[in-house]
Each structure stands twice: as C-alpha cells, then as structure tokens.
Amino acid sequence: MARYNAWQNDNLYAAAALLEDEGRRAPRGAFFGSIHATLNHLLWADRMWLSRFGRGEAPGGGIAGSVALVAEWQALCAARRDMDAVIVDWADALAPEDLAGDLAWYSGASGREMTRPKALCVLHLFNHQTHHRGQVHAMLTAAGAVPGPTDLVFAPGEMLGA
C-alpha cells in the first residue's frame, strides 16, 4: 500500500501540475475546498500519523491549518515525494509485532484520547489517503487535468516491489 500510495500521489501531482496555480487553488466544492488545500491536508495527515507511529514530528496547525501546510506548489511537490519515501521506508521495515497491540494518542479531531489497534491505525493511514485522493481526482477531472489509472491492478510492478 505504501508503494501504491506513492504511485498514486505521483499520478495526481503530475495531473495537477498541468493546471495553473490559480486552478489548483480554485474552490471546487470538496471538503477542503481546493486541489492544493486537499493535497496539503493529505501531507499534514501523513506526517501526523507517522509521528504517532514514532516516525518524525507531528505537524502543527491542527486540521484547520492542515490546508496551508506548504504554500508554494514546487515545495509541496518536494515535500510529498519526501513523505512518500519515508512512508515506503517505514512500511518496508514493519514487522508483524509492530502491528500488534494498541496505539494511544490524543485526537484533535475528536477532542479526546483515543486507543485503537495499531494494525487498524496503519490501515487508516492508507484509507484516509485513498479517500481524499478520490476527491482530488474528481476535482482534477472537472478541471480538465485527467489523472492516469488508479486501479491497484494497473500499478507498475516495480512500484509494488514485484
């Protein structure tokens, strides 16, 4: 899933790069408003979850500030590539025992302490990305910048470690 995630982020960022900055920032009716804002939120959330898994520091700003994590497009692209490399390295190093037990954290989204199975939290990391990438895909398509294939079975073999 980490490699699929990186492949799909490359896919969406390539399509988004076809738009002018104004087009990436235009309000499009999605939960986080624009393509740029939603991509920022995804990066923010990935950093947040990886910090909970002991890999890096938590980003500031909360969910409301997540949409403005990286202002400049090229810097956002670079930060996404870097984060995807971190996620792949982290996922490659996971052992079954790393997924055992529970993870406890304070959720700013729900305003309370949370405890859930670690394996479920890892699954959530990838599910969350898929959810919001679907929104970005729809916004890109509506803007005329059609991304490439998204189906897992069409991922290049090298992206999946084959």
N, C-alpha and C. Protein backbone atom coordinates (compact mmCIF):
# COMPACT_ATOMS: atom_id res chain seq x y z
N MET A 1 0.82 -1.20 0.00
CA MET A 1 0.00 0.00 0.00
C MET A 1 0.87 1.26 0.00
N ALA A 2 2.03 1.21 0.62
CA ALA A 2 2.91 2.37 0.63
C ALA A 2 3.39 2.69 -0.79
N ARG A 3 3.71 1.66 -1.55
CA ARG A 3 4.16 1.89 -2.93
C ARG A 3 2.99 2.34 -3.82
N TYR A 4 1.84 1.76 -3.62
CA TYR A 4 0.66 2.20 -4.36
C TYR A 4 0.38 3.67 -4.05
N ASN A 5 0.45 4.02 -2.79
CA ASN A 5 0.24 5.39 -2.35
C ASN A 5 1.20 6.34 -3.09
N ALA A 6 2.48 6.00 -3.13
CA ALA A 6 3.46 6.85 -3.81
C ALA A 6 3.14 6.96 -5.30
N TRP A 7 2.77 5.84 -5.91
CA TRP A 7 2.42 5.84 -7.34
C TRP A 7 1.24 6.77 -7.59
N GLN A 8 0.21 6.66 -6.76
CA GLN A 8 -0.97 7.49 -6.95
C GLN A 8 -0.70 8.96 -6.65
N ASN A 9 0.13 9.24 -5.68
CA ASN A 9 0.49 10.64 -5.44
C ASN A 9 1.24 11.21 -6.65
N ASP A 10 2.16 10.43 -7.21
CA ASP A 10 2.84 10.88 -8.43
C ASP A 10 1.83 11.14 -9.54
N ASN A 11 0.87 10.25 -9.67
CA ASN A 11 -0.18 10.35 -10.68
C ASN A 11 -0.96 11.65 -10.52
N LEU A 12 -1.44 11.92 -9.32
CA LEU A 12 -2.25 13.12 -9.09
C LEU A 12 -1.43 14.40 -9.19
N TYR A 13 -0.23 14.39 -8.66
CA TYR A 13 0.61 15.57 -8.73
C TYR A 13 0.99 15.89 -10.17
N ALA A 14 1.22 14.88 -10.99
CA ALA A 14 1.52 15.11 -12.41
C ALA A 14 0.33 15.76 -13.11
N ALA A 15 -0.87 15.29 -12.82
CA ALA A 15 -2.07 15.89 -13.42
C ALA A 15 -2.27 17.31 -12.90
N ALA A 16 -2.07 17.51 -11.60
CA ALA A 16 -2.25 18.84 -11.01
C ALA A 16 -1.23 19.83 -11.56
N ALA A 17 -0.05 19.35 -11.92
CA ALA A 17 0.98 20.23 -12.47
C ALA A 17 0.58 20.79 -13.83
N LEU A 18 -0.39 20.16 -14.49
CA LEU A 18 -0.87 20.66 -15.78
C LEU A 18 -1.74 21.92 -15.62
N LEU A 19 -2.21 22.16 -14.40
CA LEU A 19 -3.04 23.33 -14.14
C LEU A 19 -2.17 24.51 -13.71
N GLU A 20 -2.65 25.69 -13.95
CA GLU A 20 -2.01 26.88 -13.38
C GLU A 20 -2.24 26.86 -11.87
N ASP A 21 -1.41 27.59 -11.16
CA ASP A 21 -1.55 27.65 -9.70
C ASP A 21 -2.95 28.11 -9.31
N GLU A 22 -3.48 29.05 -10.03
CA GLU A 22 -4.84 29.55 -9.77
C GLU A 22 -5.87 28.42 -9.86
N GLY A 23 -5.69 27.52 -10.81
CA GLY A 23 -6.59 26.39 -10.98
C GLY A 23 -6.47 25.38 -9.84
N ARG A 24 -5.25 25.20 -9.34
CA ARG A 24 -5.06 24.28 -8.21
C ARG A 24 -5.66 24.84 -6.92
N ARG A 25 -5.73 26.17 -6.83
CA ARG A 25 -6.21 26.82 -5.60
C ARG A 25 -7.69 27.22 -5.68
N ALA A 26 -8.30 27.03 -6.83
CA ALA A 26 -9.70 27.42 -7.01
C ALA A 26 -10.61 26.57 -6.13
N PRO A 27 -11.61 27.20 -5.48
CA PRO A 27 -12.56 26.42 -4.70
C PRO A 27 -13.38 25.51 -5.62
N ARG A 28 -13.45 24.24 -5.24
CA ARG A 28 -14.12 23.27 -6.12
C ARG A 28 -15.18 22.44 -5.40
N GLY A 29 -15.58 22.87 -4.22
CA GLY A 29 -16.68 22.22 -3.53
C GLY A 29 -16.32 20.96 -2.76
N ALA A 30 -15.06 20.59 -2.71
CA ALA A 30 -14.65 19.42 -1.93
C ALA A 30 -14.54 19.80 -0.46
N PHE A 31 -14.36 18.81 0.39
CA PHE A 31 -14.33 19.05 1.82
C PHE A 31 -13.31 20.10 2.22
N PHE A 32 -12.11 20.05 1.63
CA PHE A 32 -11.06 21.03 1.94
C PHE A 32 -10.98 22.13 0.89
N GLY A 33 -11.94 22.19 0.00
CA GLY A 33 -12.06 23.31 -0.93
C GLY A 33 -11.37 23.12 -2.25
N SER A 34 -10.05 23.16 -2.24
CA SER A 34 -9.30 23.16 -3.49
C SER A 34 -8.38 21.94 -3.60
N ILE A 35 -7.82 21.78 -4.77
CA ILE A 35 -6.84 20.72 -5.00
C ILE A 35 -5.63 20.94 -4.11
N HIS A 36 -5.09 22.15 -4.12
CA HIS A 36 -3.89 22.47 -3.33
C HIS A 36 -4.16 22.24 -1.84
N ALA A 37 -5.29 22.71 -1.35
CA ALA A 37 -5.62 22.56 0.07
C ALA A 37 -5.77 21.10 0.44
N THR A 38 -6.41 20.30 -0.39
CA THR A 38 -6.61 18.89 -0.09
C THR A 38 -5.29 18.13 -0.11
N LEU A 39 -4.42 18.45 -1.06
CA LEU A 39 -3.10 17.82 -1.10
C LEU A 39 -2.30 18.19 0.15
N ASN A 40 -2.41 19.43 0.58
CA ASN A 40 -1.76 19.84 1.83
C ASN A 40 -2.29 19.04 3.01
N HIS A 41 -3.60 18.90 3.09
CA HIS A 41 -4.19 18.15 4.19
C HIS A 41 -3.67 16.71 4.21
N LEU A 42 -3.58 16.10 3.06
CA LEU A 42 -3.05 14.73 2.99
C LEU A 42 -1.62 14.65 3.52
N LEU A 43 -0.78 15.60 3.13
CA LEU A 43 0.60 15.62 3.61
C LEU A 43 0.61 15.81 5.13
N TRP A 44 -0.19 16.75 5.61
CA TRP A 44 -0.28 17.01 7.04
C TRP A 44 -0.70 15.74 7.80
N ALA A 45 -1.74 15.08 7.31
CA ALA A 45 -2.25 13.88 7.98
C ALA A 45 -1.22 12.75 7.96
N ASP A 46 -0.50 12.60 6.86
CA ASP A 46 0.54 11.58 6.80
C ASP A 46 1.62 11.86 7.85
N ARG A 47 2.01 13.11 7.96
CA ARG A 47 3.01 13.47 8.98
C ARG A 47 2.46 13.21 10.38
N MET A 48 1.20 13.53 10.59
CA MET A 48 0.60 13.31 11.90
C MET A 48 0.60 11.82 12.25
N TRP A 49 0.13 10.99 11.32
CA TRP A 49 0.08 9.56 11.62
C TRP A 49 1.46 8.96 11.77
N LEU A 50 2.40 9.36 10.94
CA LEU A 50 3.76 8.82 11.08
C LEU A 50 4.36 9.22 12.41
N SER A 51 4.06 10.43 12.89
CA SER A 51 4.56 10.83 14.21
C SER A 51 3.96 9.94 15.29
N ARG A 52 2.72 9.57 15.15
CA ARG A 52 2.08 8.67 16.13
C ARG A 52 2.71 7.28 16.10
N PHE A 53 3.24 6.91 14.94
CA PHE A 53 3.91 5.63 14.81
C PHE A 53 5.39 5.73 15.16
N GLY A 54 5.81 6.91 15.68
CA GLY A 54 7.19 7.09 16.11
C GLY A 54 8.15 7.46 15.02
N ARG A 55 7.65 7.99 13.91
CA ARG A 55 8.49 8.33 12.77
C ARG A 55 8.33 9.81 12.44
N GLY A 56 9.09 10.67 13.07
CA GLY A 56 9.05 12.09 12.78
C GLY A 56 8.21 12.86 13.78
N GLU A 57 8.20 14.16 13.59
CA GLU A 57 7.47 15.05 14.49
C GLU A 57 6.09 15.37 13.95
N ALA A 58 5.17 15.58 14.86
CA ALA A 58 3.80 15.95 14.47
C ALA A 58 3.79 17.36 13.89
N PRO A 59 3.02 17.57 12.85
CA PRO A 59 2.90 18.93 12.31
C PRO A 59 2.00 19.76 13.20
N GLY A 60 2.17 21.03 13.17
CA GLY A 60 1.30 21.92 13.94
C GLY A 60 0.08 22.31 13.13
N GLY A 61 -0.73 23.14 13.71
CA GLY A 61 -1.83 23.75 12.98
C GLY A 61 -3.17 23.06 13.07
N GLY A 62 -3.21 21.82 13.50
CA GLY A 62 -4.48 21.12 13.54
C GLY A 62 -5.08 20.94 12.16
N ILE A 63 -6.24 20.31 12.12
CA ILE A 63 -6.89 20.04 10.83
C ILE A 63 -7.19 21.34 10.10
N ALA A 64 -7.65 22.35 10.82
CA ALA A 64 -7.97 23.62 10.17
C ALA A 64 -6.75 24.23 9.48
N GLY A 65 -5.59 24.10 10.09
CA GLY A 65 -4.37 24.64 9.50
C GLY A 65 -3.71 23.72 8.49
N SER A 66 -4.20 22.48 8.41
CA SER A 66 -3.57 21.49 7.53
C SER A 66 -3.60 21.91 6.06
N VAL A 67 -4.58 22.69 5.70
CA VAL A 67 -4.76 23.07 4.30
C VAL A 67 -3.72 24.08 3.82
N ALA A 68 -2.98 24.66 4.75
CA ALA A 68 -1.98 25.67 4.41
C ALA A 68 -0.58 25.23 4.84
N LEU A 69 -0.35 23.94 4.94
CA LEU A 69 0.93 23.42 5.43
C LEU A 69 2.10 23.91 4.58
N VAL A 70 1.97 23.80 3.26
CA VAL A 70 3.04 24.22 2.34
C VAL A 70 2.39 25.13 1.29
N ALA A 71 2.81 26.38 1.26
CA ALA A 71 2.15 27.38 0.41
C ALA A 71 2.53 27.26 -1.07
N GLU A 72 3.79 26.99 -1.35
CA GLU A 72 4.29 27.04 -2.72
C GLU A 72 4.21 25.65 -3.36
N TRP A 73 3.75 25.61 -4.63
CA TRP A 73 3.49 24.35 -5.33
C TRP A 73 4.72 23.44 -5.41
N GLN A 74 5.85 23.96 -5.87
CA GLN A 74 7.04 23.11 -6.03
C GLN A 74 7.51 22.56 -4.68
N ALA A 75 7.39 23.36 -3.64
CA ALA A 75 7.77 22.90 -2.31
C ALA A 75 6.81 21.80 -1.83
N LEU A 76 5.53 21.93 -2.16
CA LEU A 76 4.55 20.89 -1.81
C LEU A 76 4.88 19.60 -2.55
N CYS A 77 5.22 19.71 -3.82
CA CYS A 77 5.60 18.52 -4.60
C CYS A 77 6.80 17.82 -3.97
N ALA A 78 7.82 18.59 -3.60
CA ALA A 78 9.02 18.02 -3.00
C ALA A 78 8.71 17.39 -1.64
N ALA A 79 7.89 18.06 -0.85
CA ALA A 79 7.53 17.53 0.46
C ALA A 79 6.74 16.22 0.33
N ARG A 80 5.89 16.14 -0.69
CA ARG A 80 5.11 14.92 -0.92
C ARG A 80 6.03 13.77 -1.29
N ARG A 81 6.98 14.02 -2.22
CA ARG A 81 7.93 12.97 -2.61
C ARG A 81 8.73 12.48 -1.40
N ASP A 82 9.18 13.43 -0.58
CA ASP A 82 9.95 13.07 0.61
C ASP A 82 9.11 12.24 1.58
N MET A 83 7.87 12.66 1.79
CA MET A 83 7.00 11.93 2.71
C MET A 83 6.71 10.54 2.20
N ASP A 84 6.47 10.42 0.89
CA ASP A 84 6.21 9.09 0.32
C ASP A 84 7.41 8.17 0.50
N ALA A 85 8.63 8.70 0.37
CA ALA A 85 9.83 7.89 0.60
C ALA A 85 9.90 7.45 2.05
N VAL A 86 9.56 8.33 2.98
CA VAL A 86 9.55 7.98 4.40
C VAL A 86 8.52 6.87 4.65
N ILE A 87 7.34 7.02 4.07
CA ILE A 87 6.28 6.02 4.28
C ILE A 87 6.71 4.66 3.73
N VAL A 88 7.30 4.63 2.55
CA VAL A 88 7.76 3.36 1.97
C VAL A 88 8.84 2.74 2.85
N ASP A 89 9.82 3.54 3.29
CA ASP A 89 10.87 3.00 4.16
C ASP A 89 10.29 2.47 5.47
N TRP A 90 9.36 3.23 6.05
CA TRP A 90 8.74 2.80 7.30
C TRP A 90 7.95 1.51 7.09
N ALA A 91 7.15 1.44 6.04
CA ALA A 91 6.33 0.25 5.79
C ALA A 91 7.21 -0.97 5.50
N ASP A 92 8.31 -0.76 4.76
CA ASP A 92 9.22 -1.87 4.47
C ASP A 92 9.84 -2.45 5.74
N ALA A 93 10.01 -1.61 6.75
CA ALA A 93 10.65 -2.05 7.99
C ALA A 93 9.67 -2.64 9.00
N LEU A 94 8.37 -2.53 8.73
CA LEU A 94 7.38 -3.06 9.67
C LEU A 94 7.47 -4.58 9.76
N ALA A 95 7.39 -5.04 10.98
CA ALA A 95 7.34 -6.48 11.25
C ALA A 95 5.97 -6.78 11.87
N PRO A 96 5.53 -8.02 11.82
CA PRO A 96 4.22 -8.35 12.40
C PRO A 96 4.05 -7.86 13.83
N GLU A 97 5.10 -7.94 14.62
CA GLU A 97 4.98 -7.49 16.02
C GLU A 97 4.77 -5.97 16.13
N ASP A 98 5.17 -5.22 15.09
CA ASP A 98 4.95 -3.77 15.09
C ASP A 98 3.47 -3.43 14.96
N LEU A 99 2.69 -4.37 14.45
CA LEU A 99 1.26 -4.14 14.25
C LEU A 99 0.42 -4.69 15.39
N ALA A 100 1.06 -5.33 16.33
CA ALA A 100 0.34 -5.93 17.47
C ALA A 100 0.06 -4.86 18.53
N GLY A 101 -0.98 -5.07 19.28
CA GLY A 101 -1.29 -4.17 20.38
C GLY A 101 -2.05 -2.94 19.95
N ASP A 102 -2.13 -2.01 20.87
CA ASP A 102 -2.90 -0.79 20.65
C ASP A 102 -2.00 0.42 20.51
N LEU A 103 -2.54 1.45 19.88
CA LEU A 103 -1.90 2.75 19.79
C LEU A 103 -2.81 3.74 20.52
N ALA A 104 -2.22 4.54 21.38
CA ALA A 104 -2.98 5.56 22.10
C ALA A 104 -2.46 6.93 21.70
N TRP A 105 -3.36 7.88 21.49
CA TRP A 105 -2.99 9.24 21.12
C TRP A 105 -4.15 10.18 21.47
N TYR A 106 -3.83 11.47 21.47
CA TYR A 106 -4.88 12.47 21.64
C TYR A 106 -5.32 12.89 20.25
N SER A 107 -6.61 12.80 19.98
CA SER A 107 -7.17 13.20 18.69
C SER A 107 -7.71 14.61 18.77
N GLY A 108 -7.08 15.51 18.05
CA GLY A 108 -7.61 16.86 17.97
C GLY A 108 -8.94 16.89 17.23
N ALA A 109 -9.12 15.97 16.29
CA ALA A 109 -10.37 15.91 15.51
C ALA A 109 -11.56 15.59 16.40
N SER A 110 -11.36 14.67 17.34
CA SER A 110 -12.48 14.30 18.22
C SER A 110 -12.39 14.95 19.59
N GLY A 111 -11.25 15.61 19.88
CA GLY A 111 -11.09 16.30 21.15
C GLY A 111 -10.99 15.37 22.34
N ARG A 112 -10.39 14.18 22.14
CA ARG A 112 -10.28 13.23 23.25
C ARG A 112 -9.13 12.24 23.01
N GLU A 113 -8.79 11.56 24.07
CA GLU A 113 -7.81 10.48 23.98
C GLU A 113 -8.43 9.32 23.21
N MET A 114 -7.63 8.70 22.38
CA MET A 114 -8.10 7.56 21.58
C MET A 114 -7.16 6.37 21.79
N THR A 115 -7.70 5.19 21.70
CA THR A 115 -6.91 3.95 21.69
C THR A 115 -7.56 3.03 20.68
N ARG A 116 -6.76 2.59 19.73
CA ARG A 116 -7.23 1.67 18.70
C ARG A 116 -6.10 0.67 18.39
N PRO A 117 -6.44 -0.47 17.81
CA PRO A 117 -5.40 -1.42 17.41
C PRO A 117 -4.42 -0.78 16.41
N LYS A 118 -3.14 -1.03 16.62
CA LYS A 118 -2.11 -0.46 15.73
C LYS A 118 -2.37 -0.82 14.27
N ALA A 119 -2.71 -2.08 14.02
CA ALA A 119 -2.94 -2.51 12.64
C ALA A 119 -4.07 -1.70 12.00
N LEU A 120 -5.11 -1.42 12.74
CA LEU A 120 -6.21 -0.60 12.24
C LEU A 120 -5.74 0.81 11.93
N CYS A 121 -4.88 1.36 12.75
CA CYS A 121 -4.37 2.72 12.53
C CYS A 121 -3.51 2.79 11.27
N VAL A 122 -2.73 1.75 11.04
CA VAL A 122 -1.93 1.70 9.80
C VAL A 122 -2.86 1.62 8.60
N LEU A 123 -3.87 0.78 8.68
CA LEU A 123 -4.85 0.69 7.61
C LEU A 123 -5.52 2.05 7.38
N HIS A 124 -5.83 2.74 8.47
CA HIS A 124 -6.46 4.06 8.36
C HIS A 124 -5.57 5.05 7.61
N LEU A 125 -4.27 5.01 7.87
CA LEU A 125 -3.35 5.90 7.15
C LEU A 125 -3.57 5.81 5.64
N PHE A 126 -3.61 4.58 5.13
CA PHE A 126 -3.77 4.40 3.69
C PHE A 126 -5.20 4.64 3.22
N ASN A 127 -6.18 4.27 4.02
CA ASN A 127 -7.57 4.51 3.66
C ASN A 127 -7.86 6.02 3.59
N HIS A 128 -7.33 6.76 4.54
CA HIS A 128 -7.51 8.22 4.56
C HIS A 128 -6.97 8.83 3.28
N GLN A 129 -5.79 8.39 2.87
CA GLN A 129 -5.20 8.91 1.64
C GLN A 129 -6.08 8.58 0.44
N THR A 130 -6.54 7.36 0.37
CA THR A 130 -7.39 6.95 -0.75
C THR A 130 -8.65 7.80 -0.80
N HIS A 131 -9.25 8.03 0.34
CA HIS A 131 -10.47 8.85 0.41
C HIS A 131 -10.24 10.25 -0.17
N HIS A 132 -9.25 10.95 0.34
CA HIS A 132 -9.03 12.32 -0.13
C HIS A 132 -8.41 12.38 -1.53
N ARG A 133 -7.63 11.37 -1.91
CA ARG A 133 -7.14 11.35 -3.30
C ARG A 133 -8.30 11.20 -4.26
N GLY A 134 -9.34 10.48 -3.86
CA GLY A 134 -10.53 10.39 -4.71
C GLY A 134 -11.15 11.75 -4.93
N GLN A 135 -11.17 12.57 -3.88
CA GLN A 135 -11.69 13.93 -4.02
C GLN A 135 -10.81 14.75 -4.97
N VAL A 136 -9.50 14.62 -4.82
CA VAL A 136 -8.58 15.35 -5.70
C VAL A 136 -8.76 14.88 -7.14
N HIS A 137 -8.90 13.58 -7.33
CA HIS A 137 -9.11 13.03 -8.68
C HIS A 137 -10.34 13.66 -9.32
N ALA A 138 -11.43 13.74 -8.57
CA ALA A 138 -12.67 14.33 -9.10
C ALA A 138 -12.47 15.80 -9.43
N MET A 139 -11.77 16.53 -8.57
CA MET A 139 -11.52 17.96 -8.84
C MET A 139 -10.64 18.13 -10.07
N LEU A 140 -9.62 17.30 -10.20
CA LEU A 140 -8.73 17.38 -11.36
C LEU A 140 -9.50 17.08 -12.65
N THR A 141 -10.30 16.03 -12.62
CA THR A 141 -11.08 15.65 -13.79
C THR A 141 -12.02 16.79 -14.19
N ALA A 142 -12.67 17.39 -13.22
CA ALA A 142 -13.58 18.51 -13.51
C ALA A 142 -12.82 19.70 -14.08
N ALA A 143 -11.56 19.84 -13.69
CA ALA A 143 -10.74 20.96 -14.17
C ALA A 143 -10.08 20.65 -15.52
N GLY A 144 -10.27 19.42 -16.03
CA GLY A 144 -9.72 19.06 -17.33
C GLY A 144 -8.33 18.44 -17.28
N ALA A 145 -7.81 18.15 -16.10
CA ALA A 145 -6.49 17.53 -15.95
C ALA A 145 -6.71 16.09 -15.49
N VAL A 146 -6.92 15.21 -16.43
CA VAL A 146 -7.31 13.84 -16.11
C VAL A 146 -6.09 13.02 -15.68
N PRO A 147 -6.11 12.49 -14.45
CA PRO A 147 -5.01 11.64 -13.98
C PRO A 147 -5.01 10.30 -14.71
N GLY A 148 -3.90 9.58 -14.56
CA GLY A 148 -3.78 8.25 -15.13
C GLY A 148 -4.58 7.23 -14.34
N PRO A 149 -4.36 5.95 -14.63
CA PRO A 149 -5.11 4.89 -13.96
C PRO A 149 -4.89 4.90 -12.45
N THR A 150 -5.91 4.47 -11.73
CA THR A 150 -5.82 4.43 -10.27
C THR A 150 -5.99 3.01 -9.71
N ASP A 151 -6.43 2.09 -10.52
CA ASP A 151 -6.68 0.74 -10.03
C ASP A 151 -5.37 0.05 -9.63
N LEU A 152 -5.40 -0.57 -8.48
CA LEU A 152 -4.23 -1.24 -7.93
C LEU A 152 -3.65 -2.26 -8.90
N VAL A 153 -4.50 -2.94 -9.64
CA VAL A 153 -4.01 -3.98 -10.56
C VAL A 153 -3.22 -3.40 -11.73
N PHE A 154 -3.33 -2.09 -11.96
CA PHE A 154 -2.58 -1.45 -13.05
C PHE A 154 -1.30 -0.79 -12.59
N ALA A 155 -0.98 -0.90 -11.31
CA ALA A 155 0.26 -0.32 -10.80
C ALA A 155 1.45 -1.00 -11.43
N PRO A 156 2.47 -0.22 -11.79
CA PRO A 156 3.67 -0.83 -12.34
C PRO A 156 4.28 -1.81 -11.34
N GLY A 157 4.76 -2.93 -11.82
CA GLY A 157 5.32 -3.97 -10.95
C GLY A 157 6.37 -3.46 -10.01
N GLU A 158 7.26 -2.57 -10.48
CA GLU A 158 8.32 -2.06 -9.62
C GLU A 158 7.80 -1.20 -8.47
N MET A 159 6.63 -0.61 -8.66
CA MET A 159 6.03 0.19 -7.59
C MET A 159 5.52 -0.71 -6.47
N LEU A 160 5.20 -1.92 -6.79
CA LEU A 160 4.65 -2.85 -5.80
C LEU A 160 5.70 -3.84 -5.31
N GLY A 161 6.94 -3.59 -5.71
CA GLY A 161 8.01 -4.46 -5.25
C GLY A 161 8.11 -5.77 -5.99
N ALA A 162 7.46 -5.85 -7.16
CA ALA A 162 7.49 -7.10 -7.95
C ALA A 162 8.71 -7.14 -8.86
